[in-house]
Amino acid sequence: MYYNQAILAFLPLGGWELAVVIMLALVIFYGKRMPEIGRNLGKSIVEFKKGLTSPAEESNEKPSGNSTSPTPPAQSEQGTGKTS
């Protein structure tokens, strides 16, 4: 436990410093894939926003046509042609 405190005392990183270190690591190790990662992240955000607005739009829409489904004709037992 003392060892961890010694490392943290030597490198006191705040939020911004940690964000910069993470961004540098991403650029170094995933530099070639960064455009693809950004594109996929953008598509994900768009789909997420569509999902948030979609239920609100669906509830405001009126159903088109007849909302009741037609009932099938009742089957009768007359005229089956069977005699016992």
N, C-alpha and C. Protein backbone atom coordinates (compact mmCIF):
# COMPACT_ATOMS: atom_id res chain seq x y z
N MET A 1 0.82 -1.18 0.00
CA MET A 1 0.00 0.00 0.00
C MET A 1 0.88 1.26 0.00
N TYR A 2 1.98 1.21 0.71
CA TYR A 2 2.91 2.33 0.72
C TYR A 2 3.51 2.56 -0.66
N TYR A 3 3.74 1.47 -1.40
CA TYR A 3 4.32 1.56 -2.73
C TYR A 3 3.40 2.35 -3.67
N ASN A 4 2.07 2.06 -3.63
CA ASN A 4 1.11 2.76 -4.47
C ASN A 4 1.05 4.23 -4.13
N GLN A 5 1.12 4.57 -2.86
CA GLN A 5 1.08 5.97 -2.46
C GLN A 5 2.34 6.70 -2.93
N ALA A 6 3.46 6.00 -2.94
CA ALA A 6 4.70 6.63 -3.39
C ALA A 6 4.63 6.95 -4.87
N ILE A 7 4.05 6.05 -5.67
CA ILE A 7 3.92 6.30 -7.11
C ILE A 7 2.96 7.45 -7.35
N LEU A 8 1.84 7.48 -6.63
CA LEU A 8 0.87 8.55 -6.81
C LEU A 8 1.44 9.89 -6.36
N ALA A 9 2.30 9.90 -5.35
CA ALA A 9 2.92 11.15 -4.91
C ALA A 9 3.93 11.65 -5.93
N PHE A 10 4.57 10.71 -6.62
CA PHE A 10 5.56 11.09 -7.62
C PHE A 10 4.90 11.62 -8.89
N LEU A 11 3.78 11.03 -9.28
CA LEU A 11 3.05 11.43 -10.49
C LEU A 11 1.62 11.87 -10.14
N PRO A 12 1.44 13.05 -9.62
CA PRO A 12 0.07 13.49 -9.32
C PRO A 12 -0.63 13.95 -10.61
N LEU A 13 -1.38 13.07 -11.23
CA LEU A 13 -2.07 13.39 -12.47
C LEU A 13 -3.50 13.80 -12.18
N GLY A 14 -3.90 14.93 -12.71
CA GLY A 14 -5.28 15.38 -12.60
C GLY A 14 -6.08 14.85 -13.78
N GLY A 15 -7.29 15.35 -13.90
CA GLY A 15 -8.18 14.89 -14.97
C GLY A 15 -7.69 15.22 -16.35
N TRP A 16 -7.23 16.48 -16.55
CA TRP A 16 -6.77 16.89 -17.87
C TRP A 16 -5.49 16.18 -18.26
N GLU A 17 -4.58 16.03 -17.31
CA GLU A 17 -3.33 15.35 -17.61
C GLU A 17 -3.57 13.90 -18.00
N LEU A 18 -4.47 13.25 -17.30
CA LEU A 18 -4.80 11.87 -17.60
C LEU A 18 -5.45 11.75 -18.98
N ALA A 19 -6.31 12.70 -19.33
CA ALA A 19 -6.95 12.69 -20.64
C ALA A 19 -5.92 12.86 -21.75
N VAL A 20 -4.93 13.73 -21.54
CA VAL A 20 -3.88 13.94 -22.54
C VAL A 20 -3.05 12.68 -22.71
N VAL A 21 -2.70 12.03 -21.62
CA VAL A 21 -1.91 10.79 -21.69
C VAL A 21 -2.69 9.71 -22.43
N ILE A 22 -3.97 9.59 -22.17
CA ILE A 22 -4.79 8.59 -22.85
C ILE A 22 -4.88 8.90 -24.35
N MET A 23 -5.07 10.18 -24.69
CA MET A 23 -5.16 10.55 -26.10
C MET A 23 -3.83 10.27 -26.83
N LEU A 24 -2.71 10.56 -26.19
CA LEU A 24 -1.42 10.27 -26.81
C LEU A 24 -1.23 8.77 -27.01
N ALA A 25 -1.63 7.98 -26.05
CA ALA A 25 -1.52 6.53 -26.18
C ALA A 25 -2.39 6.03 -27.33
N LEU A 26 -3.59 6.58 -27.47
CA LEU A 26 -4.46 6.18 -28.58
C LEU A 26 -3.84 6.54 -29.93
N VAL A 27 -3.27 7.73 -30.03
CA VAL A 27 -2.67 8.14 -31.29
C VAL A 27 -1.46 7.28 -31.63
N ILE A 28 -0.67 6.95 -30.62
CA ILE A 28 0.53 6.14 -30.87
C ILE A 28 0.17 4.71 -31.28
N PHE A 29 -0.74 4.10 -30.54
CA PHE A 29 -1.02 2.68 -30.78
C PHE A 29 -2.12 2.44 -31.81
N TYR A 30 -3.05 3.38 -31.98
CA TYR A 30 -4.18 3.18 -32.90
C TYR A 30 -4.28 4.31 -33.92
N GLY A 31 -3.17 4.89 -34.31
CA GLY A 31 -3.17 6.04 -35.22
C GLY A 31 -3.82 5.75 -36.56
N LYS A 32 -3.55 4.58 -37.12
CA LYS A 32 -4.10 4.24 -38.43
C LYS A 32 -5.59 3.95 -38.37
N ARG A 33 -6.06 3.50 -37.22
CA ARG A 33 -7.48 3.13 -37.10
C ARG A 33 -8.34 4.27 -36.55
N MET A 34 -7.75 5.42 -36.21
CA MET A 34 -8.51 6.52 -35.61
C MET A 34 -9.66 7.02 -36.50
N PRO A 35 -9.48 7.19 -37.82
CA PRO A 35 -10.63 7.62 -38.64
C PRO A 35 -11.78 6.61 -38.59
N GLU A 36 -11.46 5.34 -38.63
CA GLU A 36 -12.50 4.30 -38.57
C GLU A 36 -13.21 4.32 -37.22
N ILE A 37 -12.44 4.48 -36.16
CA ILE A 37 -13.03 4.53 -34.82
C ILE A 37 -13.95 5.75 -34.69
N GLY A 38 -13.50 6.90 -35.19
CA GLY A 38 -14.31 8.11 -35.15
C GLY A 38 -15.59 7.98 -35.97
N ARG A 39 -15.48 7.37 -37.13
CA ARG A 39 -16.65 7.18 -37.99
C ARG A 39 -17.67 6.27 -37.32
N ASN A 40 -17.18 5.17 -36.73
CA ASN A 40 -18.09 4.25 -36.04
C ASN A 40 -18.72 4.90 -34.82
N LEU A 41 -17.96 5.71 -34.11
CA LEU A 41 -18.50 6.42 -32.95
C LEU A 41 -19.59 7.40 -33.38
N GLY A 42 -19.36 8.10 -34.49
CA GLY A 42 -20.36 9.03 -35.00
C GLY A 42 -21.64 8.32 -35.42
N LYS A 43 -21.51 7.19 -36.09
CA LYS A 43 -22.69 6.42 -36.50
C LYS A 43 -23.45 5.92 -35.27
N SER A 44 -22.72 5.51 -34.26
CA SER A 44 -23.37 5.03 -33.04
C SER A 44 -24.15 6.13 -32.36
N ILE A 45 -23.60 7.34 -32.32
CA ILE A 45 -24.28 8.46 -31.70
C ILE A 45 -25.55 8.80 -32.47
N VAL A 46 -25.48 8.78 -33.80
CA VAL A 46 -26.66 9.08 -34.62
C VAL A 46 -27.75 8.04 -34.39
N GLU A 47 -27.38 6.77 -34.37
CA GLU A 47 -28.37 5.72 -34.12
C GLU A 47 -28.97 5.83 -32.73
N PHE A 48 -28.16 6.20 -31.75
CA PHE A 48 -28.65 6.37 -30.39
C PHE A 48 -29.67 7.50 -30.33
N LYS A 49 -29.38 8.61 -31.00
CA LYS A 49 -30.32 9.74 -31.01
C LYS A 49 -31.61 9.37 -31.74
N LYS A 50 -31.51 8.59 -32.82
CA LYS A 50 -32.71 8.12 -33.52
C LYS A 50 -33.55 7.26 -32.60
N GLY A 51 -32.91 6.41 -31.82
CA GLY A 51 -33.62 5.55 -30.89
C GLY A 51 -34.31 6.34 -29.79
N LEU A 52 -33.72 7.46 -29.39
CA LEU A 52 -34.34 8.29 -28.37
C LEU A 52 -35.56 9.03 -28.90
N THR A 53 -35.51 9.48 -30.15
CA THR A 53 -36.62 10.26 -30.71
C THR A 53 -37.69 9.38 -31.35
N SER A 54 -37.37 8.17 -31.72
CA SER A 54 -38.30 7.29 -32.42
C SER A 54 -39.55 6.95 -31.62
N PRO A 55 -39.47 6.54 -30.35
CA PRO A 55 -40.70 6.20 -29.62
C PRO A 55 -41.63 7.39 -29.45
N ALA A 56 -41.10 8.59 -29.30
CA ALA A 56 -41.94 9.78 -29.15
C ALA A 56 -42.70 10.05 -30.45
N GLU A 57 -42.05 9.86 -31.58
CA GLU A 57 -42.71 10.08 -32.86
C GLU A 57 -43.76 9.02 -33.13
N GLU A 58 -43.49 7.78 -32.75
CA GLU A 58 -44.44 6.71 -33.01
C GLU A 58 -45.70 6.88 -32.18
N SER A 59 -45.59 7.39 -30.96
CA SER A 59 -46.77 7.54 -30.12
C SER A 59 -47.66 8.68 -30.61
N ASN A 60 -47.10 9.65 -31.34
CA ASN A 60 -47.89 10.77 -31.84
C ASN A 60 -48.57 10.46 -33.16
N GLU A 61 -48.12 9.43 -33.85
CA GLU A 61 -48.70 9.09 -35.14
C GLU A 61 -50.06 8.41 -34.95
N LYS A 62 -50.97 8.74 -35.89
CA LYS A 62 -52.28 8.09 -35.87
C LYS A 62 -52.22 6.82 -36.71
N PRO A 63 -52.88 5.76 -36.28
CA PRO A 63 -52.87 4.55 -37.09
C PRO A 63 -53.63 4.77 -38.39
N SER A 64 -53.11 4.23 -39.47
CA SER A 64 -53.76 4.40 -40.76
C SER A 64 -54.73 3.25 -41.00
N GLY A 65 -55.84 3.58 -41.63
CA GLY A 65 -56.81 2.54 -41.95
C GLY A 65 -57.66 2.15 -40.76
N ASN A 66 -58.28 0.97 -40.87
CA ASN A 66 -59.16 0.47 -39.84
C ASN A 66 -58.32 -0.16 -38.73
N SER A 67 -58.53 0.27 -37.50
CA SER A 67 -57.71 -0.24 -36.41
C SER A 67 -58.16 -1.62 -35.94
N THR A 68 -59.40 -2.01 -36.30
CA THR A 68 -59.87 -3.34 -35.89
C THR A 68 -59.63 -4.31 -37.03
N SER A 69 -59.18 -5.49 -36.70
CA SER A 69 -58.94 -6.48 -37.73
C SER A 69 -60.25 -7.20 -38.04
N PRO A 70 -60.49 -7.53 -39.30
CA PRO A 70 -61.74 -8.21 -39.64
C PRO A 70 -61.76 -9.61 -39.04
N THR A 71 -62.93 -10.01 -38.61
CA THR A 71 -63.07 -11.33 -38.01
C THR A 71 -63.34 -12.34 -39.11
N PRO A 72 -62.78 -13.52 -39.03
CA PRO A 72 -63.02 -14.53 -40.06
C PRO A 72 -64.45 -15.05 -39.94
N PRO A 73 -65.03 -15.52 -41.04
CA PRO A 73 -66.40 -16.04 -40.97
C PRO A 73 -66.45 -17.29 -40.08
N ALA A 74 -67.56 -17.40 -39.38
CA ALA A 74 -67.73 -18.54 -38.47
C ALA A 74 -67.93 -19.81 -39.27
N GLN A 75 -67.31 -20.89 -38.83
CA GLN A 75 -67.46 -22.17 -39.51
C GLN A 75 -68.66 -22.89 -38.93
N SER A 76 -69.47 -23.39 -39.81
CA SER A 76 -70.65 -24.12 -39.34
C SER A 76 -70.43 -25.62 -39.57
N GLU A 77 -71.13 -26.42 -38.81
CA GLU A 77 -70.99 -27.87 -38.96
C GLU A 77 -71.99 -28.43 -39.97
N GLN A 78 -72.84 -27.60 -40.49
CA GLN A 78 -73.81 -28.06 -41.48
C GLN A 78 -73.10 -28.22 -42.83
N GLY A 79 -73.52 -29.17 -43.57
CA GLY A 79 -73.02 -29.36 -44.90
C GLY A 79 -71.68 -30.07 -44.96
N THR A 80 -71.33 -30.79 -43.92
CA THR A 80 -70.05 -31.50 -43.97
C THR A 80 -70.18 -32.77 -44.79
N GLY A 81 -71.40 -33.28 -44.95
CA GLY A 81 -71.62 -34.45 -45.77
C GLY A 81 -71.42 -35.75 -45.03
N LYS A 82 -71.15 -35.73 -43.76
CA LYS A 82 -70.96 -36.97 -43.01
C LYS A 82 -72.26 -37.36 -42.37
N THR A 83 -72.57 -38.63 -42.46
CA THR A 83 -73.76 -39.17 -41.78
C THR A 83 -73.31 -40.30 -40.90
N SER A 84 -73.89 -40.37 -39.71
CA SER A 84 -73.50 -41.47 -38.85
C SER A 84 -74.56 -42.49 -38.71
